[in-house]
N, C-alpha and C. Protein backbone atom coordinates (compact mmCIF):
# COMPACT_ATOMS: atom_id res chain seq x y z
N MET A 1 7.12 5.25 -11.84
CA MET A 1 5.63 4.75 -11.62
C MET A 1 4.50 6.15 -11.33
N CYS A 2 5.45 7.20 -10.63
CA CYS A 2 4.18 8.26 -10.29
C CYS A 2 3.36 8.75 -11.46
N GLU A 3 4.67 9.47 -12.66
CA GLU A 3 4.05 9.65 -13.35
C GLU A 3 3.05 8.44 -14.67
N HIS A 4 4.00 7.27 -14.71
CA HIS A 4 3.48 6.15 -15.36
C HIS A 4 1.71 5.66 -15.11
N SER A 5 2.42 5.56 -13.50
CA SER A 5 0.59 4.80 -13.17
C SER A 5 -0.44 5.94 -13.95
N PRO A 6 -0.81 6.61 -13.68
CA PRO A 6 -2.17 7.43 -13.82
C PRO A 6 -2.27 7.89 -15.24
N GLN A 7 -1.33 7.95 -15.56
CA GLN A 7 -1.05 7.45 -17.46
C GLN A 7 -2.17 6.57 -18.16
N GLN A 8 -1.84 5.30 -17.45
CA GLN A 8 -1.84 4.01 -17.82
C GLN A 8 -3.19 3.62 -17.39
N ALA A 9 -3.67 4.36 -16.46
CA ALA A 9 -5.01 4.54 -15.84
C ALA A 9 -6.29 4.68 -17.17
N LEU A 10 -5.51 6.12 -17.50
CA LEU A 10 -6.34 6.26 -18.71
C LEU A 10 -6.15 5.93 -19.80
N ALA A 11 -5.92 5.46 -19.75
CA ALA A 11 -5.72 5.01 -21.57
C ALA A 11 -6.10 3.50 -20.93
N LEU A 12 -6.45 2.90 -19.69
CA LEU A 12 -7.10 1.52 -19.60
C LEU A 12 -8.65 2.05 -18.96
N GLY A 13 -8.93 3.60 -19.44
CA GLY A 13 -10.13 3.89 -19.39
C GLY A 13 -10.27 4.06 -17.18
N PHE A 14 -9.59 4.18 -16.84
CA PHE A 14 -10.36 4.94 -15.35
C PHE A 14 -10.09 6.15 -15.35
N GLU A 15 -10.83 6.58 -14.29
CA GLU A 15 -10.96 8.33 -14.22
C GLU A 15 -10.78 9.21 -13.08
N ALA A 16 -9.81 7.91 -12.44
CA ALA A 16 -9.40 8.42 -10.85
C ALA A 16 -8.98 7.19 -10.65
N MET A 17 -7.54 7.50 -9.77
CA MET A 17 -6.59 6.63 -8.81
C MET A 17 -6.99 7.11 -7.30
N GLN A 18 -6.70 5.64 -6.57
CA GLN A 18 -6.64 5.88 -5.19
C GLN A 18 -5.30 5.27 -4.99
N PHE A 19 -4.36 5.58 -3.67
CA PHE A 19 -3.58 4.48 -3.56
C PHE A 19 -4.54 4.47 -1.85
N ASN A 20 -4.55 2.95 -1.60
CA ASN A 20 -4.96 3.12 -0.04
C ASN A 20 -4.21 2.48 1.15
N SER A 21 -2.52 2.94 0.88
CA SER A 21 -0.86 2.75 2.32
C SER A 21 -0.43 3.53 1.67
N VAL A 22 0.38 4.57 2.10
CA VAL A 22 0.99 5.85 2.30
C VAL A 22 1.55 5.85 3.55
N VAL A 23 2.28 5.36 4.10
CA VAL A 23 2.33 5.31 5.23
C VAL A 23 3.10 7.23 5.81
N SER A 24 2.80 7.82 6.70
CA SER A 24 2.74 8.40 7.03
C SER A 24 3.66 9.07 7.11
N THR A 25 4.63 8.79 7.80
CA THR A 25 5.75 8.93 8.47
C THR A 25 7.03 9.49 6.67
N ASN A 26 6.30 8.29 5.26
CA ASN A 26 6.95 8.10 4.55
C ASN A 26 6.82 10.19 3.82
N GLU A 27 7.38 11.07 4.46
CA GLU A 27 7.59 12.33 3.85
C GLU A 27 7.40 12.59 2.27
N VAL A 28 8.68 12.12 1.97
CA VAL A 28 9.31 12.56 0.28
C VAL A 28 7.87 11.32 -0.82
N ALA A 29 7.04 10.76 -0.41
CA ALA A 29 6.76 9.59 -1.04
C ALA A 29 5.19 10.48 -0.94
N ILE A 30 4.64 11.60 0.59
CA ILE A 30 3.22 11.97 0.55
C ILE A 30 3.35 13.34 -0.50
N LYS A 31 5.26 14.20 -0.37
CA LYS A 31 4.49 15.60 -0.82
C LYS A 31 5.28 14.96 -2.68
N LEU A 32 5.99 13.68 -2.82
CA LEU A 32 5.90 13.49 -4.85
C LEU A 32 4.54 13.12 -5.30
N TRP A 33 3.02 12.45 -4.46
CA TRP A 33 1.99 11.91 -5.01
C TRP A 33 0.76 13.79 -4.79
N GLN A 34 0.95 14.53 -4.31
CA GLN A 34 0.65 16.11 -3.35
C GLN A 34 1.53 16.26 -4.40
N LYS A 35 2.10 16.07 -5.27
CA LYS A 35 2.67 17.20 -6.37
C LYS A 35 2.10 17.03 -7.22
N LEU A 36 1.50 15.75 -7.32
CA LEU A 36 1.32 15.48 -8.82
C LEU A 36 -0.57 15.00 -8.80
N GLY A 37 -0.77 15.85 -7.75
CA GLY A 37 -1.82 16.24 -7.85
C GLY A 37 -2.75 15.26 -6.63
N PHE A 38 -2.17 14.42 -5.95
CA PHE A 38 -3.18 13.09 -5.31
C PHE A 38 -3.22 14.56 -3.39
N THR A 39 -4.50 13.76 -3.21
CA THR A 39 -4.78 14.53 -2.12
C THR A 39 -4.96 13.08 -1.11
N ILE A 40 -4.76 13.41 0.41
CA ILE A 40 -4.65 12.41 1.10
C ILE A 40 -7.01 12.50 0.95
N ILE A 41 -7.55 11.78 1.42
CA ILE A 41 -8.72 11.80 1.69
C ILE A 41 -9.20 10.83 3.00
N GLY A 42 -7.94 9.73 2.98
CA GLY A 42 -8.08 9.41 5.05
C GLY A 42 -6.67 9.10 5.91
N THR A 43 -7.16 8.52 6.43
CA THR A 43 -6.52 7.91 7.31
C THR A 43 -7.00 7.08 8.43
N ILE A 44 -5.86 5.71 8.24
CA ILE A 44 -6.27 4.37 8.84
C ILE A 44 -5.30 4.39 9.87
N PRO A 45 -5.78 4.94 11.00
CA PRO A 45 -5.06 4.97 13.16
C PRO A 45 -3.59 3.67 12.71
N LYS A 46 -3.16 3.96 12.98
CA LYS A 46 -1.92 2.72 13.51
C LYS A 46 -2.19 1.75 12.76
N ALA A 47 -1.13 1.18 11.13
CA ALA A 47 -1.94 0.68 9.94
C ALA A 47 -1.00 0.52 9.89
N TYR A 48 0.31 0.89 10.21
CA TYR A 48 1.97 0.18 10.17
C TYR A 48 2.53 0.44 10.93
N LYS A 49 3.38 -0.75 11.39
CA LYS A 49 4.00 -1.33 12.40
C LYS A 49 5.50 -0.32 11.37
N HIS A 50 6.27 0.82 11.71
CA HIS A 50 7.80 1.05 11.97
C HIS A 50 8.20 0.94 12.36
N GLY A 51 9.55 0.49 12.12
CA GLY A 51 11.23 -0.27 13.22
C GLY A 51 11.37 0.02 14.31
N LYS A 52 11.21 2.26 14.39
CA LYS A 52 12.35 2.63 15.25
C LYS A 52 10.38 3.30 15.70
N LEU A 53 9.51 3.78 14.75
CA LEU A 53 8.38 4.61 15.70
C LEU A 53 7.80 4.00 16.17
N GLY A 54 7.29 2.32 15.67
CA GLY A 54 6.27 2.03 16.75
C GLY A 54 5.02 1.73 15.51
N LEU A 55 3.62 2.22 16.02
CA LEU A 55 3.31 2.42 14.77
C LEU A 55 2.07 3.22 14.47
N VAL A 56 2.39 3.80 13.33
CA VAL A 56 1.63 4.71 12.94
C VAL A 56 0.61 4.71 11.25
N ASP A 57 0.56 6.10 11.31
CA ASP A 57 -0.93 6.45 10.44
C ASP A 57 -0.70 6.16 8.50
N SER A 58 -1.45 5.44 8.03
CA SER A 58 -1.45 4.57 6.62
C SER A 58 -2.08 5.85 6.12
N TYR A 59 -2.14 6.97 5.01
CA TYR A 59 -2.96 7.53 4.44
C TYR A 59 -3.56 6.38 2.91
N ILE A 60 -4.64 7.31 2.95
CA ILE A 60 -5.14 6.45 1.79
C ILE A 60 -5.42 8.58 0.45
N MET A 61 -4.88 8.13 -0.60
CA MET A 61 -4.50 9.33 -1.62
C MET A 61 -5.53 9.07 -2.94
N TYR A 62 -6.00 10.30 -3.24
CA TYR A 62 -7.10 9.89 -4.12
C TYR A 62 -6.80 11.76 -5.71
N LYS A 63 -7.21 10.44 -7.02
CA LYS A 63 -6.89 12.29 -7.37
C LYS A 63 -7.28 11.42 -8.61
N TRP A 64 -8.48 12.56 -9.15
CA TRP A 64 -9.43 12.35 -9.90
C TRP A 64 -8.52 12.78 -11.48
N LEU A 65 -8.65 11.67 -12.57
CA LEU A 65 -7.66 11.46 -13.78
C LEU A 65 -8.58 12.75 -14.59
N ALA A 66 -9.26 12.31 -14.82
CA ALA A 66 -10.70 12.31 -16.24
C ALA A 66 -10.68 14.43 -16.58
N ASP A 67 -10.12 15.16 -16.36
CA ASP A 67 -10.23 16.59 -16.61
C ASP A 67 -9.36 16.79 -17.64
């Protein structure tokens, strides 16, 4: 999904992609998206209720695709 979705977005004519909710405690996912060129452009405070940690932030991640 991480590599396929940006390719499909480009093929469909999109120039950028944004993921509206990447939970801040999901460090593996964050590092993967960053490795693929996505950056955190915003934080939604207390957006997700984690089973053990309570309310945690969620990140908005973005990548320009059209270069």
